[in-house]
Amino acid sequence: MVRLKDIAAQAGVSVMTVSKVMRDAPDISAATKIRIRALAEQMGYTPDSVAQGLRNKTTKLLGLVISAVTNPVFARVVMAIEEQAHQLGYDVILAQTLNQPEREQAVIRRMLSRRVDGLFITPVYRLEQTAPIYEELVKRAVPTVLLGHRAPFCSSFVNVETDDISASFAATRHLLELGHKRIAFLAGPNAAPSSVERLEGYRRALREGGVELDESLIFHAGSTIEEGEKAALQMLQESPNATAVQAVNDLVAIGAANVFLGQGLRIPEDISLVGFGNVLISEHFRVPLTTIRQPKLRLGTAAMDSMLKLIGGTRPPTKRLSGEIVIRQSSGAPSATTGPVTH
């Protein structure tokens, strides 16, 4: 391992001079800094980040907690955060909760033990009003940015989120404008604020479109492909005479599409389908999916901007970004022969 005294010996200067160069001290000339830094790089010197952290009371580490690395929604959000962190000299520690509160608490505690300078968290949503690990973050005053909506147990934190009500409203309005009146909704978990907002957007669009809400057209579908398949099967068995289906996210929509196609239904000729999220698979599915494009890169960028403000001692406001509809082949006007779905 190359040490400061090795560089000093090679450069013919004192160890103190080399140390000042590495700290970018103002009393060292620019020429000397350039020469010593070039020599340090040539010799393969790597600064001791732990020692620097002890001196500066920072670690240049950021914790990033998401539900699962397999969830395609997070890919571009994580990329945006990591890219900016890298440019600013931060390293990012990634962990997944698998939507388990116990695991969420464990991974956050591990990150706190690493003395991270800040935390990005996609919360494990629950109906309880409080959660011990979030109370602990408040007590410790750890700079924390939530990637998603706030709920009662995490209401005191800074967050970035998509305006899910308006986005879902646009998806339902698209189907209404095509001529659909019987639009089923495959809803997400009740504890997740984003799922609640998407259902609310659907309800509002029906109301403003003059279409009476039929609760029998709303099915609990969770958030995965498998849960979407189960909800679609339930919908077909109950024969609600739907001509279109709006899903809480793209994975649920794709699960539903698998069932519809497997049952011999044509998309969109027999039934139209709209998702939410615009994950990569939605564009390349057998029937390219009409969906809502979430501003994933912008959400990541906004989250990093909020984090830097928190680290600097300023509390930024909630950032709520708009989504937009992407119309593809899975949605179309109901055909004149479309009748009850009785498969």
Protein backbone atom coordinates (compact mmCIF):
# COMPACT_ATOMS: atom_id res chain seq x y z
CA MET A 1 0.00 0.00 0.00
CA VAL A 2 1.34 3.40 -1.03
CA ARG A 3 1.51 5.84 1.89
CA LEU A 4 1.84 9.60 2.05
CA LYS A 5 5.48 9.30 3.15
CA ASP A 6 6.23 7.23 0.03
CA ILE A 7 4.85 10.00 -2.18
CA ALA A 8 6.71 12.63 -0.15
CA ALA A 9 10.00 10.77 -0.57
CA GLN A 10 9.50 10.42 -4.32
CA ALA A 11 8.45 14.06 -4.70
CA GLY A 12 11.18 15.45 -2.44
CA VAL A 13 8.72 17.27 -0.18
CA SER A 14 7.50 16.84 3.39
CA VAL A 15 4.69 14.49 4.38
CA MET A 16 2.79 17.56 5.58
CA THR A 17 2.96 19.07 2.09
CA VAL A 18 1.56 15.89 0.54
CA SER A 19 -1.18 15.81 3.17
CA LYS A 20 -2.14 19.39 2.39
CA VAL A 21 -2.26 18.62 -1.33
CA MET A 22 -4.64 15.72 -0.69
CA ARG A 23 -6.85 18.01 1.41
CA ASP A 24 -6.65 20.75 -1.26
CA ALA A 25 -5.26 23.23 1.28
CA PRO A 26 -5.13 26.81 -0.05
CA ASP A 27 -1.52 27.49 1.00
CA ILE A 28 -0.04 25.06 -1.56
CA SER A 29 0.63 26.30 -5.09
CA ALA A 30 -1.39 24.97 -8.02
CA ALA A 31 1.77 23.71 -9.72
CA THR A 32 2.78 21.69 -6.65
CA LYS A 33 -0.71 20.22 -6.36
CA ILE A 34 -0.70 19.12 -10.00
CA ARG A 35 2.77 17.54 -9.70
CA ILE A 36 2.07 15.66 -6.46
CA ARG A 37 -1.38 14.47 -7.51
CA ALA A 38 -0.01 13.16 -10.79
CA LEU A 39 2.75 11.34 -8.89
CA ALA A 40 0.24 9.90 -6.40
CA GLU A 41 -1.90 8.57 -9.24
CA GLN A 42 1.15 7.13 -10.99
CA MET A 43 2.17 5.33 -7.78
CA GLY A 44 -1.36 3.96 -7.29
CA TYR A 45 -2.19 5.88 -4.12
CA THR A 46 -5.73 5.34 -2.76
CA PRO A 47 -6.94 7.69 0.00
CA ASP A 48 -8.14 6.09 3.23
CA SER A 49 -11.82 7.01 3.13
CA VAL A 50 -12.39 5.78 6.69
CA ALA A 51 -9.67 8.04 8.04
CA GLN A 52 -10.98 10.95 5.99
CA GLY A 53 -14.47 10.32 7.33
CA LEU A 54 -13.24 10.39 10.91
CA ARG A 55 -11.55 13.73 10.27
CA ASN A 56 -14.46 15.27 8.37
CA LYS A 57 -17.27 13.54 10.31
CA THR A 58 -18.66 12.30 7.00
CA THR A 59 -18.35 8.94 5.25
CA LYS A 60 -19.40 9.93 1.70
CA LEU A 61 -21.73 6.94 1.87
CA LEU A 62 -25.43 7.02 1.02
CA GLY A 63 -27.86 4.21 1.77
CA LEU A 64 -30.46 3.25 -0.84
CA VAL A 65 -33.29 0.97 0.32
CA ILE A 66 -35.78 -0.37 -2.25
CA SER A 67 -38.38 -3.14 -2.17
CA ALA A 68 -36.61 -5.52 -4.57
CA VAL A 69 -33.88 -5.27 -7.19
CA THR A 70 -36.13 -7.32 -9.49
CA ASN A 71 -38.78 -4.57 -9.53
CA PRO A 72 -38.20 -2.84 -12.90
CA VAL A 73 -39.69 0.46 -11.67
CA PHE A 74 -36.53 1.17 -9.66
CA ALA A 75 -33.91 0.65 -12.38
CA ARG A 76 -33.82 4.21 -13.71
CA VAL A 77 -34.42 5.80 -10.30
CA VAL A 78 -31.40 3.95 -8.89
CA MET A 79 -29.35 4.83 -11.97
CA ALA A 80 -30.09 8.54 -11.60
CA ILE A 81 -29.19 8.54 -7.90
CA GLU A 82 -26.00 6.52 -8.37
CA GLU A 83 -24.80 8.61 -11.32
CA GLN A 84 -25.14 11.87 -9.40
CA ALA A 85 -23.68 10.35 -6.24
CA HIS A 86 -20.66 9.16 -8.21
CA GLN A 87 -20.09 12.61 -9.69
CA LEU A 88 -20.22 14.12 -6.21
CA GLY A 89 -17.81 11.60 -4.71
CA TYR A 90 -20.39 9.50 -2.84
CA ASP A 91 -20.67 5.72 -2.82
CA VAL A 92 -24.11 4.12 -2.61
CA ILE A 93 -24.97 1.06 -0.51
CA LEU A 94 -27.99 -0.78 -1.91
CA ALA A 95 -30.34 -3.03 0.06
CA GLN A 96 -33.77 -4.55 -0.55
CA THR A 97 -36.61 -5.00 1.93
CA LEU A 98 -38.68 -7.58 -0.01
CA ASN A 99 -41.61 -5.59 1.43
CA GLN A 100 -40.98 -7.05 4.88
CA PRO A 101 -41.03 -4.55 7.80
CA GLU A 102 -38.56 -6.66 9.83
CA ARG A 103 -36.08 -6.77 6.97
CA GLU A 104 -36.56 -3.05 6.33
CA GLN A 105 -35.63 -2.31 9.94
CA ALA A 106 -32.60 -4.59 9.75
CA VAL A 107 -31.13 -3.11 6.57
CA ILE A 108 -31.67 0.47 7.77
CA ARG A 109 -29.94 -0.36 11.06
CA ARG A 110 -26.98 -1.88 9.18
CA MET A 111 -26.67 1.28 7.13
CA LEU A 112 -26.79 3.43 10.24
CA SER A 113 -23.96 1.31 11.67
CA ARG A 114 -21.95 2.21 8.56
CA ARG A 115 -22.54 5.89 9.45
CA VAL A 116 -24.11 6.77 6.10
CA ASP A 117 -24.46 10.47 5.42
CA GLY A 118 -28.05 10.01 4.25
CA LEU A 119 -30.74 7.47 3.37
CA PHE A 120 -33.04 7.03 0.39
CA ILE A 121 -35.93 4.72 1.34
CA THR A 122 -38.85 3.21 -0.51
CA PRO A 123 -41.02 2.52 2.54
CA VAL A 124 -42.62 -0.81 3.34
CA TYR A 125 -46.13 0.53 3.62
CA ARG A 126 -48.29 -0.59 6.54
CA LEU A 127 -51.55 0.57 8.05
CA GLU A 128 -50.05 1.26 11.49
CA GLN A 129 -49.72 4.90 12.48
CA THR A 130 -46.14 4.52 13.72
CA ALA A 131 -43.03 2.45 12.97
CA PRO A 132 -40.08 2.24 15.42
CA ILE A 133 -37.32 2.44 12.80
CA TYR A 134 -38.74 5.67 11.36
CA GLU A 135 -39.05 7.15 14.83
CA GLU A 136 -35.40 6.26 15.35
CA LEU A 137 -34.41 8.06 12.13
CA VAL A 138 -36.21 11.17 13.35
CA LYS A 139 -34.44 11.04 16.73
CA ARG A 140 -31.05 10.60 15.09
CA ALA A 141 -31.81 13.40 12.58
CA VAL A 142 -30.51 11.26 9.72
CA PRO A 143 -31.01 13.03 6.35
CA THR A 144 -33.69 10.84 4.77
CA VAL A 145 -35.56 11.11 1.46
CA LEU A 146 -38.51 8.82 0.77
CA LEU A 147 -38.83 7.47 -2.76
CA GLY A 148 -42.60 7.50 -2.95
CA HIS A 149 -45.61 8.77 -1.08
CA ARG A 150 -45.73 9.47 2.62
CA ALA A 151 -48.02 7.52 4.96
CA PRO A 152 -48.90 8.27 8.62
CA PHE A 153 -45.91 6.29 9.96
CA CYS A 154 -43.45 8.25 7.78
CA SER A 155 -45.28 11.57 7.38
CA SER A 156 -42.48 13.72 8.80
CA PHE A 157 -39.94 12.92 6.08
CA VAL A 158 -38.99 14.68 2.86
CA ASN A 159 -40.17 12.76 -0.21
CA VAL A 160 -40.38 12.67 -4.01
CA GLU A 161 -43.43 11.16 -5.67
CA THR A 162 -45.47 10.87 -8.86
CA ASP A 163 -48.82 12.63 -9.09
CA ASP A 164 -50.62 9.30 -9.32
CA ILE A 165 -54.13 10.75 -9.15
CA SER A 166 -53.70 12.87 -12.28
CA ALA A 167 -51.82 10.12 -14.12
CA SER A 168 -54.46 7.49 -13.36
CA PHE A 169 -57.18 10.00 -14.28
CA ALA A 170 -55.53 10.40 -17.70
CA ALA A 171 -55.45 6.62 -18.21
CA THR A 172 -59.16 6.23 -17.43
CA ARG A 173 -60.06 9.27 -19.53
CA HIS A 174 -58.20 7.72 -22.48
CA LEU A 175 -60.40 4.62 -22.24
CA LEU A 176 -63.55 6.72 -21.86
CA GLU A 177 -62.63 8.78 -24.93
CA LEU A 178 -62.26 5.55 -26.90
CA GLY A 179 -65.88 4.79 -26.01
CA HIS A 180 -65.52 2.38 -23.10
CA LYS A 181 -68.14 2.55 -20.34
CA ARG A 182 -67.48 -0.74 -18.50
CA ILE A 183 -63.88 -0.30 -17.28
CA ALA A 184 -62.59 -2.75 -14.69
CA PHE A 185 -59.86 -1.67 -12.29
CA LEU A 186 -57.24 -4.09 -10.91
CA ALA A 187 -56.29 -2.36 -7.66
CA GLY A 188 -53.07 -2.52 -5.63
CA PRO A 189 -52.40 -2.96 -1.89
CA ASN A 190 -54.65 -0.84 0.33
CA ALA A 191 -51.72 0.21 2.51
CA ALA A 192 -49.79 1.76 -0.40
CA PRO A 193 -50.69 5.45 -0.93
CA SER A 194 -49.81 5.21 -4.64
CA SER A 195 -52.37 2.42 -5.09
CA VAL A 196 -54.99 4.48 -3.27
CA GLU A 197 -54.25 7.50 -5.48
CA ARG A 198 -54.49 5.47 -8.69
CA LEU A 199 -57.88 4.12 -7.68
CA GLU A 200 -58.98 7.66 -6.81
CA GLY A 201 -57.87 8.90 -10.25
CA TYR A 202 -59.97 6.16 -11.88
CA ARG A 203 -63.01 7.08 -9.76
CA ARG A 204 -62.66 10.79 -10.55
CA ALA A 205 -62.38 10.20 -14.29
CA LEU A 206 -65.53 8.07 -14.29
CA ARG A 207 -67.37 10.67 -12.25
CA GLU A 208 -66.31 13.56 -14.50
CA GLY A 209 -67.06 11.44 -17.56
CA GLY A 210 -70.61 10.91 -16.39
CA VAL A 211 -70.17 7.16 -15.92
CA GLU A 212 -71.62 5.65 -12.78
CA LEU A 213 -69.07 3.76 -10.66
CA ASP A 214 -69.74 0.02 -10.40
CA GLU A 215 -67.88 -1.41 -7.40
CA SER A 216 -68.19 -4.90 -8.89
CA LEU A 217 -65.67 -3.80 -11.52
CA ILE A 218 -62.93 -3.20 -8.91
CA PHE A 219 -60.74 -6.22 -8.10
CA HIS A 220 -57.89 -6.54 -5.61
CA ALA A 221 -54.77 -7.44 -7.62
CA GLY A 222 -51.70 -6.68 -5.49
CA SER A 223 -48.61 -5.64 -7.45
CA THR A 224 -47.07 -8.64 -9.26
CA ILE A 225 -47.63 -10.52 -12.52
CA GLU A 226 -48.93 -13.53 -10.60
CA GLU A 227 -51.42 -11.37 -8.68
CA GLY A 228 -52.54 -9.79 -11.93
CA GLU A 229 -53.24 -13.24 -13.36
CA LYS A 230 -55.36 -14.20 -10.33
CA ALA A 231 -57.35 -10.95 -10.50
CA ALA A 232 -57.97 -11.39 -14.22
CA LEU A 233 -59.23 -14.93 -13.68
CA GLN A 234 -61.57 -13.67 -10.98
CA MET A 235 -62.82 -10.96 -13.30
CA LEU A 236 -63.53 -13.44 -16.09
CA GLN A 237 -65.31 -15.82 -13.71
CA GLU A 238 -67.57 -13.07 -12.40
CA SER A 239 -68.32 -11.87 -15.95
CA PRO A 240 -68.63 -8.14 -15.27
CA ASN A 241 -69.15 -7.32 -18.97
CA ALA A 242 -66.00 -5.15 -19.00
CA THR A 243 -64.73 -3.92 -22.34
CA ALA A 244 -61.53 -2.48 -20.84
CA VAL A 245 -59.23 -3.06 -17.89
CA GLN A 246 -57.03 -0.55 -16.10
CA ALA A 247 -54.30 -2.02 -13.89
CA VAL A 248 -52.52 -0.47 -10.92
CA ASN A 249 -49.14 -1.16 -12.55
CA ASP A 250 -47.59 -2.71 -15.65
CA LEU A 251 -46.76 -6.03 -13.99
CA VAL A 252 -50.38 -6.54 -12.96
CA ALA A 253 -51.47 -5.53 -16.47
CA ILE A 254 -49.11 -8.04 -18.06
CA GLY A 255 -50.38 -10.77 -15.74
CA ALA A 256 -53.93 -9.94 -16.78
CA ALA A 257 -52.93 -9.90 -20.46
CA ASN A 258 -51.44 -13.39 -20.14
CA VAL A 259 -54.78 -14.67 -18.87
CA PHE A 260 -56.87 -12.83 -21.47
CA LEU A 261 -54.73 -14.08 -24.36
CA GLY A 262 -54.65 -17.57 -22.88
CA GLN A 263 -58.45 -17.56 -22.79
CA GLY A 264 -58.64 -16.65 -26.45
CA LEU A 265 -59.48 -12.98 -26.01
CA ARG A 266 -57.94 -10.49 -28.42
CA ILE A 267 -56.31 -7.31 -27.14
CA PRO A 268 -57.62 -4.68 -27.87
CA GLU A 269 -60.36 -6.04 -30.17
CA ASP A 270 -62.18 -7.93 -27.37
CA ILE A 271 -60.80 -6.09 -24.36
CA SER A 272 -58.55 -3.04 -23.99
CA LEU A 273 -55.83 -2.90 -21.36
CA VAL A 274 -53.91 -0.04 -19.73
CA GLY A 275 -51.05 -0.30 -17.23
CA PHE A 276 -49.06 2.15 -15.13
CA GLY A 277 -45.29 2.70 -14.91
CA ASN A 278 -43.91 2.18 -18.43
CA VAL A 279 -41.39 -0.47 -17.36
CA LEU A 280 -39.23 -1.84 -20.17
CA ILE A 281 -41.27 -5.01 -20.71
CA SER A 282 -44.45 -2.99 -21.34
CA GLU A 283 -43.15 -1.74 -24.69
CA HIS A 284 -41.90 -5.16 -25.77
CA PHE A 285 -44.80 -7.32 -24.56
CA ARG A 286 -46.70 -9.44 -27.12
CA VAL A 287 -49.22 -6.62 -27.34
CA PRO A 288 -47.30 -3.39 -26.57
CA LEU A 289 -48.95 -1.89 -23.52
CA THR A 290 -50.66 1.48 -23.26
CA THR A 291 -49.43 2.81 -19.93
CA ILE A 292 -48.41 5.79 -17.83
CA ARG A 293 -44.79 6.86 -18.16
CA GLN A 294 -43.49 7.64 -14.68
CA PRO A 295 -40.67 10.22 -14.61
CA LYS A 296 -38.19 7.74 -13.11
CA LEU A 297 -34.95 9.55 -13.99
CA ARG A 298 -36.41 12.86 -12.86
CA LEU A 299 -37.58 11.27 -9.60
CA GLY A 300 -34.04 10.03 -8.94
CA THR A 301 -32.56 13.41 -9.80
CA ALA A 302 -35.10 15.20 -7.59
CA ALA A 303 -34.36 12.78 -4.73
CA MET A 304 -30.64 13.50 -4.94
CA ASP A 305 -31.28 17.24 -5.03
CA SER A 306 -33.42 16.93 -1.89
CA MET A 307 -30.72 14.84 -0.19
CA LEU A 308 -28.01 17.41 -0.85
CA LYS A 309 -30.22 20.13 0.63
CA LEU A 310 -30.88 18.03 3.75
CA ILE A 311 -27.17 17.29 4.18
CA GLY A 312 -26.53 21.02 3.81
CA GLY A 313 -29.02 21.81 6.57
CA THR A 314 -32.01 22.92 4.48
CA ARG A 315 -35.36 21.09 4.39
CA PRO A 316 -36.77 20.97 0.83
CA PRO A 317 -40.49 20.62 0.10
CA THR A 318 -42.17 17.50 -1.26
CA LYS A 319 -41.57 17.11 -4.99
CA ARG A 320 -44.57 15.77 -6.91
CA LEU A 321 -43.86 15.05 -10.58
CA SER A 322 -46.32 14.44 -13.39
CA GLY A 323 -46.64 11.23 -15.37
CA GLU A 324 -47.89 11.05 -18.96
CA ILE A 325 -49.86 8.51 -20.95
CA VAL A 326 -48.10 6.47 -23.64
CA ILE A 327 -50.60 5.04 -26.11
CA ARG A 328 -49.68 1.72 -27.70
CA GLN A 329 -51.54 -1.22 -29.25
CA SER A 330 -53.27 -2.60 -26.14
CA SER A 331 -56.05 0.01 -26.13
CA GLY A 332 -58.67 0.64 -28.78
CA ALA A 333 -62.35 1.42 -29.26
CA PRO A 334 -64.78 -1.28 -28.14
CA SER A 335 -66.03 -3.29 -31.11
CA ALA A 336 -69.70 -3.32 -32.03
CA THR A 337 -69.83 -7.03 -31.22
CA THR A 338 -68.22 -6.75 -27.81
CA GLY A 339 -70.50 -8.40 -25.26
CA PRO A 340 -70.23 -10.04 -21.88
CA VAL A 341 -66.83 -11.57 -21.13
CA THR A 342 -67.93 -15.10 -20.25
CA HIS A 343 -64.77 -17.18 -20.56
